[in-house]
Structure formats: C-alpha cells, structure tokens
Amino acid sequence: MGTGSSKIIFEEALMLIVFRPEAEQELLEAQAWYESKALGLGFEFARAADAAVASALRNPFGHLRIEGEFRCVLFRKFPYTLIYLPNLDELLVVSFFHQYRKPGVWLEQLSS
C-alpha cells in the first residue's frame, strides 16, 4: 500500500498481512489497558485481536463493507472492531477501533 506507512508483520498462505503503525499502536495500548485492569485480560484481548485478524485472513472479502472497500470484523467479548482493506495478495490492517469512539475517526486518521 502506501510507502512508509505500513509495517510487515507476517505472511500466511499467499496473503501478506500489513499493519499500519497507528493500528499497531492502538492494539498495544488497548492490550496494556486491559492488562492493567486484570491480570491476564490483556492476553485475552490479544487473543481476540488474533482471532479477528485470522477471520479476515480466512475470508478477506466476506466481511461487512463499511466504507468503500474497507471491511470490518467485530471482536468477541471486547468492544473493538478490526478495520482492514483487502486486495488480492495483501490485507492492510487499518485500525483496531474501539466501538465507543466517534465513528469515522479511523477514516480521518487514514487521510491525514
């Protein structure tokens, strides 16, 4: 996708998964916050994030389209949504979005 705006994390099957730095930061901050609330809760949050990414990877074009070609996967047990942009060989993770934030903030961050 955009040069310098993404960090390659890992490759699975034939689809590359790329995390925007902002998405990675959101994930780490949320995981730390949950861990500060209860021992092990941050780990459970990370597992929910992994499950959302795995679901997007298994069926990249099958999840709800929310804006243009952007799609989303809801987390289980946590008020978060994975927002991603799929194409034929890459899945760009745009945001780990808290559902109580102002809708569209992720899109504003993407354009800035």
C-alpha atoms as a PDB file:
ATOM      1  CA  MET A   1       0.000   0.000   0.000  1.00  0.00           C
ATOM      2  CA  GLY A   2       1.439   3.448   0.874  1.00  0.00           C
ATOM      3  CA  THR A   3       5.200   3.682   1.107  1.00  0.00           C
ATOM      4  CA  GLY A   4       6.488   4.046   4.636  1.00  0.00           C
ATOM      5  CA  SER A   5       3.018   3.884   6.183  1.00  0.00           C
ATOM      6  CA  SER A   6       2.951   0.165   6.883  1.00  0.00           C
ATOM      7  CA  LYS A   7       4.919  -2.446   8.746  1.00  0.00           C
ATOM      8  CA  ILE A   8       5.024  -6.019   7.513  1.00  0.00           C
ATOM      9  CA  ILE A   9       4.263  -8.371  10.397  1.00  0.00           C
ATOM     10  CA  PHE A  10       3.938 -11.832   8.852  1.00  0.00           C
ATOM     11  CA  GLU A  11       2.906 -13.736   5.784  1.00  0.00           C
ATOM     12  CA  GLU A  12       0.435 -16.620   5.840  1.00  0.00           C
ATOM     13  CA  ALA A  13      -0.833 -18.659   2.909  1.00  0.00           C
ATOM     14  CA  LEU A  14      -0.443 -16.354  -0.090  1.00  0.00           C
ATOM     15  CA  MET A  15      -1.740 -13.193   1.544  1.00  0.00           C
ATOM     16  CA  LEU A  16       0.545 -10.688   3.200  1.00  0.00           C
ATOM     17  CA  ILE A  17      -0.753  -9.030   6.370  1.00  0.00           C
ATOM     18  CA  VAL A  18       0.376  -5.451   6.892  1.00  0.00           C
ATOM     19  CA  PHE A  19      -0.365  -3.319   9.955  1.00  0.00           C
ATOM     20  CA  ARG A  20      -0.441   0.469   9.757  1.00  0.00           C
ATOM     21  CA  PRO A  21       1.712   1.850  12.598  1.00  0.00           C
ATOM     22  CA  GLU A  22      -1.379   3.560  14.058  1.00  0.00           C
ATOM     23  CA  ALA A  23      -3.223   0.227  14.177  1.00  0.00           C
ATOM     24  CA  GLU A  24      -0.301  -1.459  15.885  1.00  0.00           C
ATOM     25  CA  GLN A  25      -0.198   1.362  18.455  1.00  0.00           C
ATOM     26  CA  GLU A  26      -3.952   1.079  19.099  1.00  0.00           C
ATOM     27  CA  LEU A  27      -3.579  -2.650  19.658  1.00  0.00           C
ATOM     28  CA  LEU A  28      -0.659  -2.320  22.070  1.00  0.00           C
ATOM     29  CA  GLU A  29      -2.324   0.480  24.054  1.00  0.00           C
ATOM     30  CA  ALA A  30      -5.604  -1.422  24.382  1.00  0.00           C
ATOM     31  CA  GLN A  31      -3.819  -4.602  25.410  1.00  0.00           C
ATOM     32  CA  ALA A  32      -1.854  -2.719  28.093  1.00  0.00           C
ATOM     33  CA  TRP A  33      -5.032  -1.032  29.355  1.00  0.00           C
ATOM     34  CA  TYR A  34      -6.875  -4.344  29.715  1.00  0.00           C
ATOM     35  CA  GLU A  35      -3.874  -5.935  31.416  1.00  0.00           C
ATOM     36  CA  SER A  36      -3.797  -3.053  33.904  1.00  0.00           C
ATOM     37  CA  LYS A  37      -7.421  -3.817  34.816  1.00  0.00           C
ATOM     38  CA  ALA A  38      -6.954  -7.533  35.471  1.00  0.00           C
ATOM     39  CA  LEU A  39      -4.045  -9.935  35.203  1.00  0.00           C
ATOM     40  CA  GLY A  40      -4.411 -11.948  32.007  1.00  0.00           C
ATOM     41  CA  LEU A  41      -7.099  -9.729  30.478  1.00  0.00           C
ATOM     42  CA  GLY A  42      -4.577  -8.147  28.131  1.00  0.00           C
ATOM     43  CA  PHE A  43      -3.680 -11.624  26.902  1.00  0.00           C
ATOM     44  CA  GLU A  44      -7.367 -12.383  26.305  1.00  0.00           C
ATOM     45  CA  PHE A  45      -7.680  -9.139  24.355  1.00  0.00           C
ATOM     46  CA  ALA A  46      -4.665 -10.093  22.228  1.00  0.00           C
ATOM     47  CA  ARG A  47      -6.267 -13.483  21.533  1.00  0.00           C
ATOM     48  CA  ALA A  48      -9.477 -11.743  20.431  1.00  0.00           C
ATOM     49  CA  ALA A  49      -7.434  -9.497  18.120  1.00  0.00           C
ATOM     50  CA  ASP A  50      -5.639 -12.527  16.673  1.00  0.00           C
ATOM     51  CA  ALA A  51      -8.986 -14.243  16.084  1.00  0.00           C
ATOM     52  CA  ALA A  52     -10.342 -11.161  14.268  1.00  0.00           C
ATOM     53  CA  VAL A  53      -7.273 -10.964  12.026  1.00  0.00           C
ATOM     54  CA  ALA A  54      -7.454 -14.712  11.338  1.00  0.00           C
ATOM     55  CA  SER A  55     -11.124 -14.379  10.396  1.00  0.00           C
ATOM     56  CA  ALA A  56     -10.308 -11.543   7.990  1.00  0.00           C
ATOM     57  CA  LEU A  57      -7.493 -13.615   6.524  1.00  0.00           C
ATOM     58  CA  ARG A  58      -9.704 -16.679   6.021  1.00  0.00           C
ATOM     59  CA  ASN A  59     -12.371 -14.700   4.204  1.00  0.00           C
ATOM     60  CA  PRO A  60     -10.964 -11.272   3.291  1.00  0.00           C
ATOM     61  CA  PHE A  61     -13.818 -10.227   1.007  1.00  0.00           C
ATOM     62  CA  GLY A  62     -16.612 -11.834   3.025  1.00  0.00           C
ATOM     63  CA  HIS A  63     -16.907  -9.408   5.939  1.00  0.00           C
ATOM     64  CA  LEU A  64     -19.123  -6.345   6.141  1.00  0.00           C
ATOM     65  CA  ARG A  65     -18.061  -3.491   3.859  1.00  0.00           C
ATOM     66  CA  ILE A  66     -18.175  -0.230   5.829  1.00  0.00           C
ATOM     67  CA  GLU A  67     -16.663   2.473   3.605  1.00  0.00           C
ATOM     68  CA  GLY A  68     -15.545   1.962   0.024  1.00  0.00           C
ATOM     69  CA  GLU A  69     -13.632  -1.312   0.043  1.00  0.00           C
ATOM     70  CA  PHE A  70     -12.831  -1.160   3.785  1.00  0.00           C
ATOM     71  CA  ARG A  71     -14.248  -4.046   5.792  1.00  0.00           C
ATOM     72  CA  CYS A  72     -14.615  -4.890   9.465  1.00  0.00           C
ATOM     73  CA  VAL A  73     -14.626  -7.788  11.909  1.00  0.00           C
ATOM     74  CA  LEU A  74     -16.113  -7.430  15.400  1.00  0.00           C
ATOM     75  CA  PHE A  75     -14.098  -8.729  18.333  1.00  0.00           C
ATOM     76  CA  ARG A  76     -15.666 -11.294  20.597  1.00  0.00           C
ATOM     77  CA  LYS A  77     -16.016 -10.224  24.247  1.00  0.00           C
ATOM     78  CA  PHE A  78     -14.442  -6.789  23.691  1.00  0.00           C
ATOM     79  CA  PRO A  79     -15.925  -3.559  22.259  1.00  0.00           C
ATOM     80  CA  TYR A  80     -13.433  -3.412  19.394  1.00  0.00           C
ATOM     81  CA  THR A  81     -13.607  -3.706  15.634  1.00  0.00           C
ATOM     82  CA  LEU A  82     -10.833  -4.675  13.258  1.00  0.00           C
ATOM     83  CA  ILE A  83     -10.931  -2.410  10.200  1.00  0.00           C
ATOM     84  CA  TYR A  84      -8.995  -3.610   7.190  1.00  0.00           C
ATOM     85  CA  LEU A  85      -8.594  -3.177   3.456  1.00  0.00           C
ATOM     86  CA  PRO A  86      -8.193  -6.368   1.429  1.00  0.00           C
ATOM     87  CA  ASN A  87      -6.817  -6.836  -2.033  1.00  0.00           C
ATOM     88  CA  LEU A  88      -5.805  -9.990  -3.893  1.00  0.00           C
ATOM     89  CA  ASP A  89      -2.444 -10.511  -2.167  1.00  0.00           C
ATOM     90  CA  GLU A  90      -2.457  -8.211   0.871  1.00  0.00           C
ATOM     91  CA  LEU A  91      -4.613  -7.478   3.882  1.00  0.00           C
ATOM     92  CA  LEU A  92      -3.948  -3.989   5.262  1.00  0.00           C
ATOM     93  CA  VAL A  93      -4.958  -3.634   8.917  1.00  0.00           C
ATOM     94  CA  VAL A  94      -6.054  -0.018   9.236  1.00  0.00           C
ATOM     95  CA  SER A  95      -7.372   0.160  12.801  1.00  0.00           C
ATOM     96  CA  PHE A  96      -8.243  -1.709  15.965  1.00  0.00           C
ATOM     97  CA  PHE A  97     -11.149   0.603  16.637  1.00  0.00           C
ATOM     98  CA  HIS A  98     -12.896   0.990  19.990  1.00  0.00           C
ATOM     99  CA  GLN A  99     -16.621   0.910  19.256  1.00  0.00           C
ATOM    100  CA  TYR A 100     -17.414   3.822  21.586  1.00  0.00           C
ATOM    101  CA  ARG A 101     -15.133   6.236  19.732  1.00  0.00           C
ATOM    102  CA  LYS A 102     -16.550   8.713  17.259  1.00  0.00           C
ATOM    103  CA  PRO A 103     -17.405   6.787  14.075  1.00  0.00           C
ATOM    104  CA  GLY A 104     -15.225   7.742  11.149  1.00  0.00           C
ATOM    105  CA  VAL A 105     -12.194   8.752  13.242  1.00  0.00           C
ATOM    106  CA  TRP A 106     -10.243   5.858  11.713  1.00  0.00           C
ATOM    107  CA  LEU A 107     -11.010   7.218   8.241  1.00  0.00           C
ATOM    108  CA  GLU A 108      -9.902  10.726   9.215  1.00  0.00           C
ATOM    109  CA  GLN A 109      -6.624   9.309  10.598  1.00  0.00           C
ATOM    110  CA  LEU A 110      -6.102   7.393   7.376  1.00  0.00           C
ATOM    111  CA  SER A 111      -6.371  10.518   5.236  1.00  0.00           C
ATOM    112  CA  SER A 112      -4.059  12.612   7.421  1.00  0.00           C
END
